[in-house]
N, C-alpha and C. Protein backbone atom coordinates (compact mmCIF):
# COMPACT_ATOMS: atom_id res chain seq x y z
N MET A 1 -3.47 13.10 -2.23
CA MET A 1 -3.55 11.94 -2.15
C MET A 1 -4.17 11.38 -0.68
N ILE A 2 -5.06 10.34 -0.69
CA ILE A 2 -5.17 9.56 0.14
C ILE A 2 -4.85 8.29 0.60
N LYS A 3 -4.08 7.76 1.24
CA LYS A 3 -3.44 6.41 1.26
C LYS A 3 -4.40 5.79 2.22
N LYS A 4 -4.27 4.63 1.82
CA LYS A 4 -5.50 3.28 3.08
C LYS A 4 -4.65 2.28 3.52
N TYR A 5 -4.47 2.08 4.27
CA TYR A 5 -3.29 0.96 5.14
C TYR A 5 -4.39 -0.13 5.66
N LYS A 6 -3.73 -1.49 5.61
CA LYS A 6 -4.65 -1.72 6.81
C LYS A 6 -4.15 -2.54 8.12
N LEU A 7 -4.93 -1.93 9.55
CA LEU A 7 -4.35 -2.10 10.78
C LEU A 7 -5.07 -3.60 11.33
N GLU A 8 -3.75 -4.06 11.59
CA GLU A 8 -4.00 -5.34 12.47
C GLU A 8 -3.79 -5.18 13.96
N TYR A 9 -4.45 -5.28 14.50
CA TYR A 9 -4.35 -5.49 15.80
C TYR A 9 -4.82 -6.35 17.09
N TRP A 10 -4.32 -6.53 17.92
CA TRP A 10 -4.43 -7.48 18.78
C TRP A 10 -4.10 -7.14 20.31
N ARG A 11 -4.87 -7.92 21.63
CA ARG A 11 -4.52 -7.28 22.89
C ARG A 11 -3.81 -8.41 23.76
N GLU A 12 -2.59 -7.36 24.12
CA GLU A 12 -1.87 -8.23 24.72
C GLU A 12 -1.98 -7.29 26.42
N ASP A 13 -2.68 -7.98 27.53
CA ASP A 13 -2.91 -7.64 28.93
C ASP A 13 -3.58 -6.53 28.67
N ASP A 14 -3.53 -5.51 29.07
CA ASP A 14 -4.13 -4.07 29.37
C ASP A 14 -3.68 -3.42 28.09
N TRP A 15 -3.05 -3.62 26.91
CA TRP A 15 -2.58 -2.69 25.44
C TRP A 15 -2.95 -3.69 24.61
N PHE A 16 -3.59 -2.31 23.18
CA PHE A 16 -3.65 -2.62 22.33
C PHE A 16 -2.37 -3.10 21.30
N VAL A 17 -2.11 -3.48 20.60
CA VAL A 17 -0.85 -3.74 20.08
C VAL A 17 -1.17 -3.80 18.56
N GLY A 18 -0.19 -3.54 17.55
CA GLY A 18 -0.90 -3.54 16.25
C GLY A 18 0.03 -3.10 15.23
N ARG A 19 0.04 -3.29 14.28
CA ARG A 19 1.17 -3.26 12.88
C ARG A 19 -0.11 -2.75 11.67
N ILE A 20 1.00 -1.85 11.07
CA ILE A 20 0.22 -1.40 9.08
C ILE A 20 0.81 -2.74 8.65
N VAL A 21 -0.43 -3.42 8.09
CA VAL A 21 0.36 -4.49 7.17
C VAL A 21 1.42 -4.31 6.29
N GLU A 22 0.73 -3.26 5.46
CA GLU A 22 1.57 -2.77 3.77
C GLU A 22 2.79 -2.55 4.36
N ILE A 23 3.05 -2.19 5.72
CA ILE A 23 4.85 -1.47 5.93
C ILE A 23 5.15 -2.10 7.30
N PRO A 24 6.02 -3.19 6.57
CA PRO A 24 7.05 -3.92 7.16
C PRO A 24 7.61 -2.94 8.40
N GLY A 25 7.68 -3.72 9.91
CA GLY A 25 8.43 -2.73 10.54
C GLY A 25 7.60 -1.88 11.18
N LEU A 26 6.29 -1.63 11.02
CA LEU A 26 5.36 -0.74 11.49
C LEU A 26 4.45 -1.04 12.53
N PHE A 27 4.97 -1.17 13.86
CA PHE A 27 4.46 -1.66 15.16
C PHE A 27 4.25 -0.14 16.06
N SER A 28 3.17 -0.66 16.60
CA SER A 28 3.24 0.67 18.24
C SER A 28 1.99 -0.43 19.22
N GLN A 29 1.86 0.48 19.68
CA GLN A 29 0.43 -0.17 20.87
C GLN A 29 -0.06 1.02 21.65
N GLY A 30 -0.83 0.76 22.36
CA GLY A 30 -1.71 1.88 22.92
C GLY A 30 -2.86 1.75 24.15
N LYS A 31 -3.02 1.98 24.97
CA LYS A 31 -4.16 1.51 26.08
C LYS A 31 -5.34 1.73 26.04
N SER A 32 -5.82 2.30 24.29
CA SER A 32 -7.09 2.07 23.88
C SER A 32 -6.47 2.01 22.13
N LEU A 33 -7.84 1.82 21.70
CA LEU A 33 -7.48 1.65 20.20
C LEU A 33 -7.32 2.95 19.42
N ASP A 34 -8.13 3.90 19.89
CA ASP A 34 -7.83 5.77 19.28
C ASP A 34 -5.79 5.61 19.98
N GLU A 35 -5.49 5.38 20.87
CA GLU A 35 -4.13 5.38 21.39
C GLU A 35 -3.27 4.57 20.01
N LEU A 36 -4.04 3.51 20.02
CA LEU A 36 -2.86 3.03 18.81
C LEU A 36 -2.66 3.54 17.80
N GLU A 37 -3.90 3.67 17.05
CA GLU A 37 -4.26 4.62 15.99
C GLU A 37 -3.20 5.55 15.63
N SER A 38 -3.29 6.46 16.85
CA SER A 38 -2.66 7.79 16.52
C SER A 38 -1.02 7.59 17.00
N ASN A 39 -0.39 6.33 17.63
CA ASN A 39 0.60 6.15 17.92
C ASN A 39 1.53 5.58 16.75
N LEU A 40 0.53 4.80 15.87
CA LEU A 40 1.00 4.21 14.69
C LEU A 40 1.46 5.34 13.31
N LEU A 41 0.13 6.42 13.92
CA LEU A 41 0.46 7.34 12.50
C LEU A 41 1.34 7.93 12.93
N ASP A 42 2.24 8.51 13.94
CA ASP A 42 2.89 8.97 14.63
C ASP A 42 4.88 8.63 14.07
N ALA A 43 4.30 6.97 14.43
CA ALA A 43 5.29 5.78 13.45
C ALA A 43 5.54 5.90 12.41
N TYR A 44 4.57 6.29 11.46
CA TYR A 44 4.38 6.09 10.19
C TYR A 44 5.24 7.52 10.06
N PHE A 45 4.82 8.38 10.61
CA PHE A 45 5.53 9.71 9.82
C PHE A 45 6.90 9.84 10.41
N LEU A 46 7.20 9.19 11.84
CA LEU A 46 8.53 8.97 11.55
C LEU A 46 9.31 8.05 10.60
N MET A 47 8.74 7.06 10.22
CA MET A 47 9.49 6.44 9.25
C MET A 47 9.78 6.82 7.99
N ILE A 48 8.59 7.44 7.39
CA ILE A 48 8.39 8.40 6.22
C ILE A 48 10.22 9.82 6.31
N ASP A 49 10.07 10.32 7.53
CA ASP A 49 11.25 11.17 7.60
C ASP A 49 12.22 10.53 7.84
N GLU A 50 12.79 9.83 8.09
CA GLU A 50 13.88 8.92 8.10
C GLU A 50 14.18 8.04 7.12
N GLY A 51 12.81 8.03 5.83
CA GLY A 51 13.31 7.34 4.96
C GLY A 51 13.09 5.82 5.00
N LEU A 52 12.22 5.15 5.84
CA LEU A 52 12.21 3.52 6.20
C LEU A 52 10.90 3.58 5.54
N PRO A 53 10.38 2.10 5.61
CA PRO A 53 11.22 1.22 5.37
C PRO A 53 12.44 1.19 4.35
N PRO A 54 13.54 0.30 4.93
CA PRO A 54 14.73 0.72 3.62
C PRO A 54 14.02 -0.08 2.27
N LYS A 55 14.45 0.36 1.13
CA LYS A 55 14.16 0.22 -0.20
C LYS A 55 14.14 -1.22 -0.67
N ASP A 56 15.50 -1.96 0.12
CA ASP A 56 15.71 -3.31 -0.22
C ASP A 56 14.77 -4.33 0.74
N THR A 57 13.92 -3.75 1.82
CA THR A 57 13.14 -4.97 2.42
C THR A 57 12.35 -5.43 1.15
N LYS A 58 12.66 -6.73 1.87
CA LYS A 58 11.86 -7.88 1.22
C LYS A 58 10.93 -8.48 2.24
N THR A 59 9.90 -9.52 1.85
CA THR A 59 9.12 -10.01 2.41
C THR A 59 9.16 -11.46 1.48
N GLN A 60 8.82 -12.50 2.42
CA GLN A 60 9.07 -14.04 1.47
C GLN A 60 7.81 -14.81 2.70
N THR A 61 7.07 -15.19 1.85
CA THR A 61 6.04 -16.28 2.48
C THR A 61 6.48 -17.87 2.39
N ILE A 62 6.32 -18.65 3.85
CA ILE A 62 6.53 -19.81 4.16
C ILE A 62 5.78 -20.71 4.63
N ASP A 63 5.34 -21.84 4.60
CA ASP A 63 4.58 -22.68 4.77
C ASP A 63 5.68 -23.45 6.09
N PHE A 64 4.56 -23.74 7.00
CA PHE A 64 4.90 -24.84 7.84
C PHE A 64 3.90 -25.36 8.60
N GLU A 65 4.05 -26.49 9.32
CA GLU A 65 2.77 -26.81 10.26
C GLU A 65 3.27 -27.13 11.52
N ILE A 66 2.10 -26.64 12.06
CA ILE A 66 1.75 -26.88 13.83
C ILE A 66 0.67 -27.78 13.77
N GLU A 67 1.45 -28.34 14.80
CA GLU A 67 0.30 -29.56 15.35
C GLU A 67 -0.42 -29.54 16.68
N GLU A 68 -1.18 -28.99 16.73
CA GLU A 68 -2.36 -28.37 18.03
C GLU A 68 -2.98 -29.90 18.41
N ASP A 69 -3.10 -29.54 19.87
CA ASP A 69 -3.72 -30.67 20.95
C ASP A 69 -5.08 -30.52 20.70
């Protein structure tokens, strides 16, 4: 079975930084988008091998206001 996940990424200086949205705590970085994807895949398999994320991981939506200039 093939699982599909959403990659969310952004630029920080010369790095692509990203996370897998559906898996809390799965972040990585790379000098290129391809390297980021490869690093995230490596991190995913490390998490699977370690049994992470913990089964008691929870998410919560919060509301807050930000005043913009």
